[in-house]
N, C-alpha and C. Protein backbone atom coordinates (compact mmCIF):
# COMPACT_ATOMS: atom_id res chain seq x y z
N MET A 1 16.84 -7.52 34.85
CA MET A 1 16.21 -7.02 33.62
C MET A 1 17.18 -7.16 32.46
N PRO A 2 16.77 -7.81 31.35
CA PRO A 2 17.70 -8.06 30.25
C PRO A 2 18.14 -6.80 29.51
N PHE A 3 17.30 -5.75 29.53
CA PHE A 3 17.62 -4.54 28.78
C PHE A 3 17.94 -3.40 29.73
N SER A 4 19.04 -2.71 29.47
CA SER A 4 19.41 -1.54 30.26
C SER A 4 18.61 -0.33 29.80
N SER A 5 18.77 0.77 30.50
CA SER A 5 18.07 2.00 30.10
C SER A 5 18.55 2.48 28.73
N ASP A 6 19.84 2.28 28.46
CA ASP A 6 20.36 2.66 27.14
C ASP A 6 19.77 1.77 26.04
N ASP A 7 19.59 0.49 26.34
CA ASP A 7 18.97 -0.42 25.38
C ASP A 7 17.54 0.00 25.07
N LEU A 8 16.79 0.32 26.12
CA LEU A 8 15.39 0.72 25.94
C LEU A 8 15.30 2.03 25.16
N ALA A 9 16.23 2.95 25.43
CA ALA A 9 16.25 4.21 24.68
C ALA A 9 16.53 3.95 23.20
N ALA A 10 17.46 3.03 22.93
CA ALA A 10 17.78 2.69 21.54
C ALA A 10 16.60 2.03 20.84
N ILE A 11 15.89 1.16 21.56
CA ILE A 11 14.71 0.50 20.99
C ILE A 11 13.63 1.53 20.67
N GLY A 12 13.37 2.43 21.62
CA GLY A 12 12.37 3.46 21.40
C GLY A 12 12.71 4.36 20.23
N LEU A 13 13.99 4.75 20.13
CA LEU A 13 14.42 5.60 19.03
C LEU A 13 14.30 4.87 17.69
N THR A 14 14.63 3.59 17.68
CA THR A 14 14.54 2.80 16.45
C THR A 14 13.10 2.70 15.98
N LEU A 15 12.18 2.44 16.89
CA LEU A 15 10.77 2.34 16.52
C LEU A 15 10.23 3.68 16.03
N ARG A 16 10.65 4.75 16.67
CA ARG A 16 10.24 6.09 16.23
C ARG A 16 10.77 6.39 14.84
N LEU A 17 12.04 6.05 14.60
CA LEU A 17 12.65 6.28 13.29
C LEU A 17 11.95 5.45 12.22
N ALA A 18 11.69 4.18 12.52
CA ALA A 18 11.05 3.30 11.54
C ALA A 18 9.63 3.76 11.24
N GLY A 19 8.89 4.18 12.25
CA GLY A 19 7.53 4.64 12.03
C GLY A 19 7.48 5.92 11.20
N THR A 20 8.36 6.87 11.53
CA THR A 20 8.41 8.13 10.78
C THR A 20 8.83 7.88 9.34
N THR A 21 9.84 7.06 9.15
CA THR A 21 10.33 6.76 7.80
C THR A 21 9.27 6.07 6.97
N THR A 22 8.57 5.10 7.55
CA THR A 22 7.54 4.37 6.81
C THR A 22 6.41 5.30 6.37
N ALA A 23 5.97 6.17 7.27
CA ALA A 23 4.90 7.11 6.92
C ALA A 23 5.32 8.03 5.78
N LEU A 24 6.55 8.55 5.84
CA LEU A 24 7.03 9.43 4.77
C LEU A 24 7.20 8.68 3.46
N LEU A 25 7.67 7.44 3.53
CA LEU A 25 7.86 6.67 2.30
C LEU A 25 6.54 6.36 1.61
N LEU A 26 5.50 6.08 2.38
CA LEU A 26 4.20 5.81 1.77
C LEU A 26 3.64 7.06 1.10
N VAL A 27 3.86 8.21 1.73
CA VAL A 27 3.37 9.47 1.15
C VAL A 27 4.18 9.85 -0.10
N LEU A 28 5.50 9.78 0.00
CA LEU A 28 6.35 10.18 -1.11
C LEU A 28 6.45 9.10 -2.19
N GLY A 29 6.40 7.84 -1.78
CA GLY A 29 6.59 6.76 -2.73
C GLY A 29 5.37 6.47 -3.59
N THR A 30 4.18 6.80 -3.10
CA THR A 30 2.96 6.48 -3.85
C THR A 30 2.90 7.20 -5.20
N PRO A 31 3.05 8.53 -5.27
CA PRO A 31 3.01 9.17 -6.59
C PRO A 31 4.16 8.74 -7.49
N LEU A 32 5.33 8.47 -6.90
CA LEU A 32 6.46 8.01 -7.70
C LEU A 32 6.19 6.63 -8.28
N ALA A 33 5.64 5.73 -7.47
CA ALA A 33 5.31 4.39 -7.94
C ALA A 33 4.22 4.44 -9.01
N TRP A 34 3.25 5.31 -8.83
CA TRP A 34 2.16 5.45 -9.81
C TRP A 34 2.72 5.94 -11.14
N TRP A 35 3.62 6.91 -11.08
CA TRP A 35 4.23 7.42 -12.31
C TRP A 35 5.03 6.33 -13.01
N LEU A 36 5.82 5.58 -12.26
CA LEU A 36 6.62 4.51 -12.85
C LEU A 36 5.75 3.42 -13.46
N ALA A 37 4.60 3.17 -12.86
CA ALA A 37 3.72 2.11 -13.35
C ALA A 37 2.94 2.52 -14.60
N ARG A 38 2.72 3.84 -14.79
CA ARG A 38 1.83 4.27 -15.87
C ARG A 38 2.51 5.04 -16.99
N THR A 39 3.68 5.60 -16.72
CA THR A 39 4.27 6.50 -17.71
C THR A 39 4.91 5.76 -18.88
N PRO A 40 4.80 6.32 -20.09
CA PRO A 40 5.53 5.79 -21.24
C PRO A 40 6.84 6.54 -21.48
N SER A 41 7.20 7.45 -20.55
CA SER A 41 8.36 8.30 -20.74
C SER A 41 9.65 7.50 -20.83
N ARG A 42 10.59 8.01 -21.61
CA ARG A 42 11.90 7.35 -21.72
C ARG A 42 12.72 7.50 -20.44
N TRP A 43 12.27 8.37 -19.55
CA TRP A 43 12.95 8.56 -18.26
C TRP A 43 12.57 7.49 -17.25
N ARG A 44 11.63 6.63 -17.60
CA ARG A 44 11.18 5.60 -16.67
C ARG A 44 12.32 4.69 -16.25
N GLY A 45 13.14 4.26 -17.21
CA GLY A 45 14.26 3.37 -16.91
C GLY A 45 15.28 3.99 -15.98
N PRO A 46 15.79 5.20 -16.32
CA PRO A 46 16.76 5.83 -15.43
C PRO A 46 16.20 6.11 -14.03
N VAL A 47 14.94 6.54 -13.94
CA VAL A 47 14.35 6.81 -12.62
C VAL A 47 14.23 5.52 -11.82
N SER A 48 13.82 4.43 -12.48
CA SER A 48 13.73 3.14 -11.80
C SER A 48 15.09 2.70 -11.28
N ALA A 49 16.13 2.95 -12.08
CA ALA A 49 17.48 2.58 -11.65
C ALA A 49 17.92 3.39 -10.44
N VAL A 50 17.60 4.68 -10.43
CA VAL A 50 17.96 5.52 -9.28
C VAL A 50 17.23 5.05 -8.03
N VAL A 51 15.95 4.72 -8.16
CA VAL A 51 15.17 4.24 -7.02
C VAL A 51 15.77 2.95 -6.46
N ALA A 52 16.26 2.08 -7.34
CA ALA A 52 16.79 0.79 -6.93
C ALA A 52 18.24 0.82 -6.47
N LEU A 53 18.92 1.95 -6.60
CA LEU A 53 20.34 2.04 -6.24
C LEU A 53 20.64 1.56 -4.81
N PRO A 54 19.81 1.89 -3.82
CA PRO A 54 20.12 1.43 -2.46
C PRO A 54 20.17 -0.09 -2.31
N LEU A 55 19.60 -0.82 -3.27
CA LEU A 55 19.64 -2.28 -3.20
C LEU A 55 21.03 -2.83 -3.48
N VAL A 56 21.84 -2.08 -4.21
CA VAL A 56 23.15 -2.59 -4.62
C VAL A 56 24.32 -1.77 -4.06
N LEU A 57 24.07 -0.52 -3.68
CA LEU A 57 25.15 0.30 -3.13
C LEU A 57 25.42 -0.07 -1.68
N PRO A 58 26.69 -0.11 -1.27
CA PRO A 58 26.99 -0.31 0.16
C PRO A 58 26.38 0.82 0.99
N PRO A 59 25.79 0.48 2.13
CA PRO A 59 25.18 1.53 2.97
C PRO A 59 26.16 2.63 3.34
N THR A 60 27.44 2.29 3.53
CA THR A 60 28.41 3.32 3.89
C THR A 60 28.62 4.33 2.77
N VAL A 61 28.48 3.89 1.53
CA VAL A 61 28.60 4.81 0.39
C VAL A 61 27.45 5.81 0.42
N ILE A 62 26.22 5.30 0.63
CA ILE A 62 25.05 6.18 0.72
C ILE A 62 25.22 7.15 1.89
N GLY A 63 25.63 6.61 3.03
CA GLY A 63 25.81 7.45 4.20
C GLY A 63 26.86 8.52 3.99
N PHE A 64 27.96 8.16 3.33
CA PHE A 64 29.04 9.12 3.09
C PHE A 64 28.56 10.28 2.23
N TYR A 65 27.89 9.98 1.11
CA TYR A 65 27.46 11.05 0.22
C TYR A 65 26.35 11.89 0.84
N LEU A 66 25.50 11.27 1.66
CA LEU A 66 24.51 12.05 2.38
C LEU A 66 25.17 12.97 3.39
N LEU A 67 26.21 12.46 4.05
CA LEU A 67 26.94 13.27 5.03
C LEU A 67 27.56 14.49 4.35
N VAL A 68 28.14 14.29 3.17
CA VAL A 68 28.75 15.40 2.43
C VAL A 68 27.67 16.37 1.94
N THR A 69 26.58 15.83 1.39
CA THR A 69 25.53 16.68 0.82
C THR A 69 24.79 17.48 1.87
N LEU A 70 24.54 16.85 3.03
CA LEU A 70 23.78 17.51 4.08
C LEU A 70 24.66 18.28 5.06
N GLY A 71 25.98 18.14 4.91
CA GLY A 71 26.92 18.80 5.82
C GLY A 71 26.98 20.30 5.60
N PRO A 72 27.77 21.00 6.41
CA PRO A 72 27.84 22.47 6.34
C PRO A 72 28.26 23.01 4.98
N GLN A 73 29.11 22.26 4.27
CA GLN A 73 29.60 22.72 2.97
C GLN A 73 28.81 22.13 1.80
N GLY A 74 27.88 21.23 2.07
CA GLY A 74 27.09 20.62 1.01
C GLY A 74 25.95 21.51 0.56
N PRO A 75 25.43 21.29 -0.64
CA PRO A 75 24.34 22.14 -1.15
C PRO A 75 23.08 22.09 -0.29
N LEU A 76 22.68 20.90 0.13
CA LEU A 76 21.49 20.82 0.98
C LEU A 76 21.77 21.32 2.38
N GLY A 77 23.01 21.11 2.85
CA GLY A 77 23.38 21.63 4.15
C GLY A 77 23.35 23.15 4.19
N GLN A 78 23.84 23.77 3.14
CA GLN A 78 23.79 25.23 3.06
C GLN A 78 22.36 25.74 2.97
N PHE A 79 21.51 24.95 2.28
CA PHE A 79 20.10 25.34 2.15
C PHE A 79 19.39 25.26 3.50
N THR A 80 19.62 24.17 4.25
CA THR A 80 18.96 24.05 5.55
C THR A 80 19.49 25.10 6.53
N GLN A 81 20.76 25.47 6.41
CA GLN A 81 21.28 26.55 7.25
C GLN A 81 20.65 27.87 6.87
N TRP A 82 20.42 28.09 5.58
CA TRP A 82 19.75 29.32 5.13
C TRP A 82 18.32 29.38 5.65
N LEU A 83 17.69 28.20 5.78
CA LEU A 83 16.33 28.17 6.33
C LEU A 83 16.32 28.40 7.84
N GLY A 84 17.49 28.28 8.47
CA GLY A 84 17.57 28.51 9.89
C GLY A 84 17.39 27.27 10.74
N VAL A 85 17.45 26.07 10.12
CA VAL A 85 17.25 24.83 10.88
C VAL A 85 18.58 24.12 11.14
N GLY A 86 19.68 24.72 10.72
CA GLY A 86 20.98 24.11 10.93
C GLY A 86 21.24 22.97 9.96
N THR A 87 22.20 22.12 10.28
CA THR A 87 22.52 20.98 9.44
C THR A 87 21.87 19.72 10.01
N LEU A 88 21.60 18.75 9.15
CA LEU A 88 20.88 17.54 9.55
C LEU A 88 21.75 16.39 10.03
N PRO A 89 23.02 16.26 9.59
CA PRO A 89 23.82 15.16 10.12
C PRO A 89 23.91 15.19 11.64
N PHE A 90 23.93 13.98 12.23
CA PHE A 90 24.01 13.79 13.68
C PHE A 90 22.79 14.32 14.42
N THR A 91 21.64 14.30 13.70
CA THR A 91 20.35 14.62 14.31
C THR A 91 19.35 13.53 13.94
N PHE A 92 18.24 13.48 14.66
CA PHE A 92 17.21 12.50 14.35
C PHE A 92 16.68 12.68 12.93
N TRP A 93 16.44 13.92 12.54
CA TRP A 93 15.87 14.15 11.20
C TRP A 93 16.88 13.87 10.10
N GLY A 94 18.15 13.95 10.43
CA GLY A 94 19.14 13.49 9.48
C GLY A 94 19.03 12.00 9.25
N LEU A 95 18.79 11.24 10.35
CA LEU A 95 18.56 9.80 10.21
C LEU A 95 17.32 9.52 9.37
N VAL A 96 16.29 10.35 9.54
CA VAL A 96 15.07 10.15 8.77
C VAL A 96 15.34 10.32 7.28
N VAL A 97 16.08 11.36 6.92
CA VAL A 97 16.42 11.58 5.51
C VAL A 97 17.20 10.39 4.96
N GLY A 98 18.20 9.95 5.70
CA GLY A 98 18.98 8.81 5.24
C GLY A 98 18.16 7.55 5.14
N SER A 99 17.26 7.33 6.09
CA SER A 99 16.44 6.12 6.09
C SER A 99 15.44 6.13 4.94
N VAL A 100 14.88 7.30 4.64
CA VAL A 100 13.94 7.41 3.51
C VAL A 100 14.64 7.04 2.21
N ILE A 101 15.83 7.54 2.01
CA ILE A 101 16.57 7.25 0.78
C ILE A 101 16.99 5.78 0.74
N TYR A 102 17.48 5.27 1.87
CA TYR A 102 17.98 3.90 1.91
C TYR A 102 16.87 2.88 1.76
N SER A 103 15.67 3.18 2.24
CA SER A 103 14.56 2.23 2.17
C SER A 103 13.60 2.53 1.01
N LEU A 104 13.93 3.50 0.17
CA LEU A 104 13.03 3.90 -0.91
C LEU A 104 12.57 2.74 -1.79
N PRO A 105 13.47 1.87 -2.27
CA PRO A 105 12.99 0.79 -3.15
C PRO A 105 12.05 -0.19 -2.45
N PHE A 106 12.16 -0.32 -1.14
CA PHE A 106 11.31 -1.26 -0.42
C PHE A 106 9.88 -0.74 -0.30
N ALA A 107 9.69 0.54 -0.57
CA ALA A 107 8.34 1.10 -0.61
C ALA A 107 7.84 1.25 -2.04
N VAL A 108 8.69 1.76 -2.92
CA VAL A 108 8.26 2.08 -4.27
C VAL A 108 8.00 0.82 -5.10
N GLN A 109 8.87 -0.16 -5.02
CA GLN A 109 8.72 -1.34 -5.89
C GLN A 109 7.46 -2.15 -5.61
N PRO A 110 7.10 -2.44 -4.34
CA PRO A 110 5.82 -3.14 -4.11
C PRO A 110 4.62 -2.34 -4.58
N LEU A 111 4.66 -1.01 -4.41
CA LEU A 111 3.55 -0.18 -4.87
C LEU A 111 3.48 -0.17 -6.39
N GLN A 112 4.63 -0.06 -7.03
CA GLN A 112 4.66 -0.07 -8.49
C GLN A 112 4.10 -1.38 -9.04
N HIS A 113 4.49 -2.49 -8.46
CA HIS A 113 3.99 -3.79 -8.91
C HIS A 113 2.49 -3.92 -8.69
N ALA A 114 2.01 -3.36 -7.58
CA ALA A 114 0.56 -3.42 -7.32
C ALA A 114 -0.21 -2.59 -8.33
N PHE A 115 0.30 -1.42 -8.65
CA PHE A 115 -0.37 -0.57 -9.65
C PHE A 115 -0.33 -1.21 -11.03
N GLU A 116 0.78 -1.86 -11.37
CA GLU A 116 0.88 -2.51 -12.68
C GLU A 116 -0.03 -3.72 -12.75
N ALA A 117 -0.19 -4.44 -11.64
CA ALA A 117 -0.99 -5.67 -11.65
C ALA A 117 -2.47 -5.41 -11.85
N MET A 118 -2.93 -4.22 -11.49
CA MET A 118 -4.37 -3.95 -11.61
C MET A 118 -4.80 -3.74 -13.06
N GLY A 119 -3.83 -3.47 -13.95
CA GLY A 119 -4.17 -3.26 -15.35
C GLY A 119 -4.88 -1.94 -15.59
N THR A 120 -5.45 -1.80 -16.75
CA THR A 120 -6.12 -0.55 -17.13
C THR A 120 -7.64 -0.66 -17.13
N GLN A 121 -8.17 -1.88 -17.13
CA GLN A 121 -9.63 -2.03 -17.24
C GLN A 121 -10.41 -1.37 -16.12
N PRO A 122 -10.02 -1.53 -14.83
CA PRO A 122 -10.80 -0.86 -13.78
C PRO A 122 -10.81 0.66 -13.93
N LEU A 123 -9.69 1.23 -14.34
CA LEU A 123 -9.63 2.67 -14.51
C LEU A 123 -10.45 3.12 -15.72
N GLU A 124 -10.41 2.34 -16.78
CA GLU A 124 -11.20 2.68 -17.97
C GLU A 124 -12.69 2.57 -17.67
N ALA A 125 -13.07 1.58 -16.89
CA ALA A 125 -14.49 1.44 -16.52
C ALA A 125 -14.94 2.62 -15.68
N ALA A 126 -14.09 3.06 -14.75
CA ALA A 126 -14.44 4.22 -13.93
C ALA A 126 -14.52 5.48 -14.78
N ALA A 127 -13.67 5.60 -15.80
CA ALA A 127 -13.70 6.77 -16.67
C ALA A 127 -14.98 6.83 -17.48
N THR A 128 -15.48 5.66 -17.92
CA THR A 128 -16.72 5.65 -18.68
C THR A 128 -17.91 6.07 -17.82
N LEU A 129 -17.77 5.95 -16.50
CA LEU A 129 -18.82 6.38 -15.58
C LEU A 129 -18.68 7.84 -15.17
N GLY A 130 -17.70 8.52 -15.75
CA GLY A 130 -17.54 9.95 -15.51
C GLY A 130 -16.55 10.31 -14.43
N ALA A 131 -15.78 9.36 -13.93
CA ALA A 131 -14.81 9.65 -12.89
C ALA A 131 -13.59 10.34 -13.49
N GLY A 132 -13.14 11.40 -12.84
CA GLY A 132 -11.95 12.11 -13.28
C GLY A 132 -10.69 11.39 -12.87
N PRO A 133 -9.52 11.89 -13.31
CA PRO A 133 -8.25 11.22 -12.97
C PRO A 133 -8.02 11.08 -11.48
N MET A 134 -8.22 12.14 -10.71
CA MET A 134 -8.00 12.06 -9.27
C MET A 134 -9.01 11.14 -8.61
N ASP A 135 -10.26 11.19 -9.07
CA ASP A 135 -11.30 10.31 -8.52
C ASP A 135 -10.95 8.85 -8.80
N ARG A 136 -10.49 8.56 -10.01
CA ARG A 136 -10.12 7.19 -10.35
C ARG A 136 -8.95 6.72 -9.50
N PHE A 137 -8.02 7.62 -9.23
CA PHE A 137 -6.86 7.23 -8.45
C PHE A 137 -7.25 6.89 -7.01
N PHE A 138 -8.05 7.75 -6.39
CA PHE A 138 -8.36 7.56 -4.97
C PHE A 138 -9.45 6.53 -4.72
N THR A 139 -10.39 6.37 -5.65
CA THR A 139 -11.50 5.44 -5.40
C THR A 139 -11.32 4.08 -6.07
N VAL A 140 -10.42 4.00 -7.04
CA VAL A 140 -10.22 2.73 -7.75
C VAL A 140 -8.80 2.19 -7.53
N ALA A 141 -7.80 3.00 -7.88
CA ALA A 141 -6.42 2.52 -7.84
C ALA A 141 -5.95 2.21 -6.42
N LEU A 142 -6.15 3.13 -5.51
CA LEU A 142 -5.66 2.92 -4.15
C LEU A 142 -6.29 1.70 -3.47
N PRO A 143 -7.62 1.53 -3.53
CA PRO A 143 -8.18 0.31 -2.91
C PRO A 143 -7.66 -0.98 -3.53
N LEU A 144 -7.50 -1.00 -4.86
CA LEU A 144 -7.02 -2.21 -5.52
C LEU A 144 -5.56 -2.49 -5.18
N ALA A 145 -4.81 -1.44 -4.86
CA ALA A 145 -3.39 -1.60 -4.54
C ALA A 145 -3.16 -1.82 -3.05
N ARG A 146 -4.19 -2.09 -2.29
CA ARG A 146 -4.05 -2.23 -0.84
C ARG A 146 -3.00 -3.27 -0.43
N PRO A 147 -2.95 -4.45 -1.05
CA PRO A 147 -1.88 -5.41 -0.67
C PRO A 147 -0.48 -4.84 -0.88
N GLY A 148 -0.31 -4.06 -1.94
CA GLY A 148 0.99 -3.44 -2.19
C GLY A 148 1.36 -2.44 -1.11
N PHE A 149 0.38 -1.70 -0.64
CA PHE A 149 0.64 -0.74 0.44
C PHE A 149 1.03 -1.47 1.72
N LEU A 150 0.36 -2.56 2.00
CA LEU A 150 0.68 -3.32 3.21
C LEU A 150 2.09 -3.90 3.13
N THR A 151 2.44 -4.45 1.97
CA THR A 151 3.79 -4.99 1.78
C THR A 151 4.83 -3.89 1.88
N ALA A 152 4.56 -2.75 1.25
CA ALA A 152 5.50 -1.64 1.29
C ALA A 152 5.72 -1.15 2.73
N ALA A 153 4.64 -1.06 3.50
CA ALA A 153 4.76 -0.59 4.88
C ALA A 153 5.57 -1.57 5.72
N ILE A 154 5.30 -2.85 5.57
CA ILE A 154 6.01 -3.86 6.36
C ILE A 154 7.49 -3.88 6.02
N LEU A 155 7.81 -3.91 4.72
CA LEU A 155 9.21 -3.97 4.30
C LEU A 155 9.96 -2.69 4.68
N SER A 156 9.33 -1.54 4.52
CA SER A 156 9.99 -0.28 4.85
C SER A 156 10.30 -0.20 6.34
N PHE A 157 9.32 -0.58 7.16
CA PHE A 157 9.51 -0.54 8.60
C PHE A 157 10.63 -1.48 9.03
N ALA A 158 10.57 -2.72 8.53
CA ALA A 158 11.56 -3.73 8.92
C ALA A 158 12.95 -3.36 8.43
N HIS A 159 13.04 -2.84 7.21
CA HIS A 159 14.35 -2.48 6.67
C HIS A 159 14.97 -1.33 7.44
N THR A 160 14.14 -0.37 7.86
CA THR A 160 14.65 0.75 8.65
C THR A 160 15.13 0.28 10.02
N VAL A 161 14.41 -0.65 10.62
CA VAL A 161 14.82 -1.18 11.93
C VAL A 161 16.21 -1.82 11.84
N GLY A 162 16.50 -2.47 10.73
CA GLY A 162 17.77 -3.18 10.59
C GLY A 162 18.92 -2.37 10.05
N GLU A 163 18.76 -1.07 9.86
CA GLU A 163 19.83 -0.25 9.30
C GLU A 163 21.03 -0.17 10.23
N PHE A 164 22.20 -0.06 9.63
CA PHE A 164 23.42 0.14 10.43
C PHE A 164 24.37 1.13 9.76
N GLY A 165 24.83 0.79 8.56
CA GLY A 165 25.85 1.60 7.91
C GLY A 165 25.43 3.03 7.67
N VAL A 166 24.22 3.22 7.15
CA VAL A 166 23.76 4.58 6.84
C VAL A 166 23.60 5.40 8.10
N VAL A 167 22.97 4.81 9.12
CA VAL A 167 22.71 5.59 10.34
C VAL A 167 24.01 5.89 11.08
N LEU A 168 24.97 4.98 11.04
CA LEU A 168 26.24 5.22 11.72
C LEU A 168 27.04 6.31 11.01
N MET A 169 27.05 6.30 9.69
CA MET A 169 27.77 7.31 8.93
C MET A 169 27.12 8.68 9.07
N LEU A 170 25.81 8.72 9.03
CA LEU A 170 25.10 10.00 9.00
C LEU A 170 24.76 10.52 10.39
N GLY A 171 24.55 9.60 11.33
CA GLY A 171 24.11 10.03 12.65
C GLY A 171 25.12 9.84 13.76
N GLY A 172 26.14 9.05 13.51
CA GLY A 172 27.11 8.80 14.56
C GLY A 172 26.53 7.90 15.64
N ASN A 173 26.90 8.18 16.88
CA ASN A 173 26.53 7.30 17.98
C ASN A 173 26.21 8.15 19.21
N ILE A 174 25.14 8.94 19.12
CA ILE A 174 24.77 9.87 20.18
C ILE A 174 23.61 9.25 20.97
N PRO A 175 23.81 8.94 22.25
CA PRO A 175 22.75 8.32 23.06
C PRO A 175 21.48 9.17 23.07
N GLY A 176 20.34 8.52 22.82
CA GLY A 176 19.06 9.20 22.86
C GLY A 176 18.77 10.07 21.66
N VAL A 177 19.72 10.22 20.76
CA VAL A 177 19.53 11.08 19.59
C VAL A 177 19.67 10.30 18.29
N THR A 178 20.78 9.55 18.16
CA THR A 178 21.01 8.80 16.92
C THR A 178 21.43 7.36 17.18
N ARG A 179 21.53 6.93 18.43
CA ARG A 179 21.97 5.56 18.72
C ARG A 179 20.77 4.62 18.63
N VAL A 180 20.67 3.92 17.50
CA VAL A 180 19.58 2.97 17.28
C VAL A 180 20.02 1.58 17.73
N VAL A 181 19.14 0.60 17.59
CA VAL A 181 19.42 -0.74 18.11
C VAL A 181 20.66 -1.36 17.48
N SER A 182 20.80 -1.24 16.17
CA SER A 182 21.95 -1.86 15.50
C SER A 182 23.26 -1.27 16.00
N VAL A 183 23.30 0.02 16.25
CA VAL A 183 24.50 0.66 16.78
C VAL A 183 24.72 0.26 18.23
N GLN A 184 23.63 0.11 18.98
CA GLN A 184 23.75 -0.32 20.37
C GLN A 184 24.33 -1.73 20.47
N ILE A 185 23.94 -2.61 19.57
CA ILE A 185 24.52 -3.96 19.53
C ILE A 185 26.01 -3.88 19.24
N TYR A 186 26.38 -3.05 18.30
CA TYR A 186 27.80 -2.86 17.98
C TYR A 186 28.57 -2.38 19.20
N ASP A 187 27.98 -1.45 19.94
CA ASP A 187 28.65 -0.93 21.15
C ASP A 187 28.85 -2.04 22.18
N HIS A 188 27.82 -2.89 22.36
CA HIS A 188 27.94 -3.99 23.32
C HIS A 188 29.05 -4.96 22.92
N VAL A 189 29.11 -5.28 21.64
CA VAL A 189 30.14 -6.21 21.17
C VAL A 189 31.52 -5.59 21.32
N GLU A 190 31.64 -4.32 20.99
CA GLU A 190 32.93 -3.64 21.11
C GLU A 190 33.41 -3.61 22.56
N ALA A 191 32.45 -3.54 23.49
CA ALA A 191 32.80 -3.53 24.91
C ALA A 191 32.85 -4.94 25.51
N LEU A 192 32.74 -5.97 24.66
CA LEU A 192 32.74 -7.37 25.08
C LEU A 192 31.57 -7.71 26.00
N GLU A 193 30.47 -6.97 25.85
CA GLU A 193 29.26 -7.23 26.63
C GLU A 193 28.35 -8.15 25.82
N TYR A 194 28.76 -9.40 25.70
CA TYR A 194 28.07 -10.32 24.81
C TYR A 194 26.67 -10.68 25.29
N ALA A 195 26.45 -10.73 26.59
CA ALA A 195 25.13 -11.08 27.10
C ALA A 195 24.10 -10.03 26.67
N GLN A 196 24.45 -8.75 26.83
CA GLN A 196 23.53 -7.69 26.42
C GLN A 196 23.34 -7.69 24.91
N ALA A 197 24.44 -7.96 24.19
CA ALA A 197 24.34 -8.02 22.73
C ALA A 197 23.42 -9.15 22.30
N HIS A 198 23.49 -10.30 23.02
CA HIS A 198 22.63 -11.43 22.68
C HIS A 198 21.16 -11.07 22.81
N TRP A 199 20.79 -10.35 23.86
CA TRP A 199 19.39 -9.99 24.07
C TRP A 199 18.87 -9.13 22.92
N LEU A 200 19.63 -8.11 22.56
CA LEU A 200 19.20 -7.23 21.48
C LEU A 200 19.23 -7.94 20.13
N ALA A 201 20.31 -8.69 19.86
CA ALA A 201 20.42 -9.39 18.58
C ALA A 201 19.33 -10.46 18.45
N GLY A 202 19.07 -11.17 19.55
CA GLY A 202 18.00 -12.17 19.52
C GLY A 202 16.66 -11.53 19.27
N GLY A 203 16.44 -10.36 19.85
CA GLY A 203 15.19 -9.64 19.59
C GLY A 203 15.05 -9.26 18.13
N MET A 204 16.17 -8.86 17.51
CA MET A 204 16.15 -8.51 16.09
C MET A 204 15.84 -9.74 15.23
N VAL A 205 16.43 -10.88 15.59
CA VAL A 205 16.15 -12.11 14.85
C VAL A 205 14.68 -12.47 14.95
N LEU A 206 14.12 -12.40 16.16
CA LEU A 206 12.71 -12.72 16.35
C LEU A 206 11.83 -11.74 15.59
N PHE A 207 12.17 -10.46 15.65
CA PHE A 207 11.41 -9.45 14.92
C PHE A 207 11.43 -9.73 13.43
N SER A 208 12.59 -10.03 12.88
CA SER A 208 12.71 -10.30 11.45
C SER A 208 11.89 -11.52 11.04
N PHE A 209 11.92 -12.56 11.88
CA PHE A 209 11.15 -13.76 11.58
C PHE A 209 9.65 -13.46 11.56
N VAL A 210 9.19 -12.71 12.55
CA VAL A 210 7.77 -12.37 12.62
C VAL A 210 7.36 -11.53 11.41
N VAL A 211 8.21 -10.59 11.01
CA VAL A 211 7.92 -9.74 9.85
C VAL A 211 7.79 -10.59 8.59
N LEU A 212 8.75 -11.47 8.35
CA LEU A 212 8.71 -12.31 7.15
C LEU A 212 7.52 -13.26 7.16
N LEU A 213 7.22 -13.82 8.33
CA LEU A 213 6.07 -14.71 8.44
C LEU A 213 4.78 -13.94 8.16
N GLY A 214 4.66 -12.75 8.74
CA GLY A 214 3.48 -11.94 8.49
C GLY A 214 3.35 -11.53 7.04
N LEU A 215 4.48 -11.23 6.40
CA LEU A 215 4.46 -10.84 4.99
C LEU A 215 4.01 -12.00 4.12
N ASN A 216 4.50 -13.21 4.41
CA ASN A 216 4.08 -14.38 3.64
C ASN A 216 2.60 -14.66 3.81
N LEU A 217 2.10 -14.54 5.05
CA LEU A 217 0.67 -14.76 5.30
C LEU A 217 -0.17 -13.71 4.59
N THR A 218 0.32 -12.47 4.57
CA THR A 218 -0.41 -11.40 3.89
C THR A 218 -0.49 -11.65 2.39
N ARG A 219 0.62 -12.07 1.80
CA ARG A 219 0.64 -12.35 0.37
C ARG A 219 -0.26 -13.55 0.03
N ARG A 220 -0.24 -14.56 0.88
CA ARG A 220 -1.09 -15.74 0.64
C ARG A 220 -2.56 -15.35 0.71
N LYS A 221 -2.91 -14.53 1.69
CA LYS A 221 -4.30 -14.08 1.83
C LYS A 221 -4.72 -13.24 0.64
N ALA A 222 -3.82 -12.36 0.17
CA ALA A 222 -4.13 -11.52 -0.98
C ALA A 222 -4.33 -12.35 -2.23
N SER A 223 -3.50 -13.40 -2.41
CA SER A 223 -3.63 -14.24 -3.60
C SER A 223 -4.92 -15.05 -3.56
N MET A 224 -5.37 -15.46 -2.37
CA MET A 224 -6.63 -16.19 -2.23
C MET A 224 -7.82 -15.31 -2.54
N VAL A 225 -7.74 -14.02 -2.11
CA VAL A 225 -8.83 -13.09 -2.36
C VAL A 225 -8.95 -12.77 -3.85
N SER A 226 -7.77 -12.60 -4.50
CA SER A 226 -7.77 -12.27 -5.93
C SER A 226 -8.12 -13.49 -6.78
């Protein structure tokens, strides 16, 4: 069998982390993307820059500051301890927090572009028919932005699967708890277990290729429909 029990545990944990992160990003990123696409506020530029920071910051920098902020002496760490849930570093939910922040632009930017591309005419037409703001959002904006949601979900999931620096800094290397596929590959290489590393790394290459191919096909189909 090419995969050991530790490999399978890492794969399962990675898929669970990616699925949870993607779901949270779609829920949290949608109102943020809508605001960025529609607001005339002067805060739009700074907020867009903050959202895009993970694209340029080294993952270890993000992981370090999250570790400090969520740690026992950090403001959020003290808050979670006050709530009685302990601290989040070196836990699965700590990885989720780090992954949501690290993959935020991969969800928000496709959604923002989709909302901007639809223009104002469909919403204005719905308003003339008596639709309220929430009705226009759920019955007009969301269906028209469907390609953006699909792109955001695919990119968020794939980006989370490929994380290394953030998860290693924030979660460490705890089997069954925080050891994801990228960390498991690192462990194999460090132990000179190149055959096992090849299986996992090759799987990641194949996964990435399939994701990019699917994304291109989705965009081509969306452009043909529009």
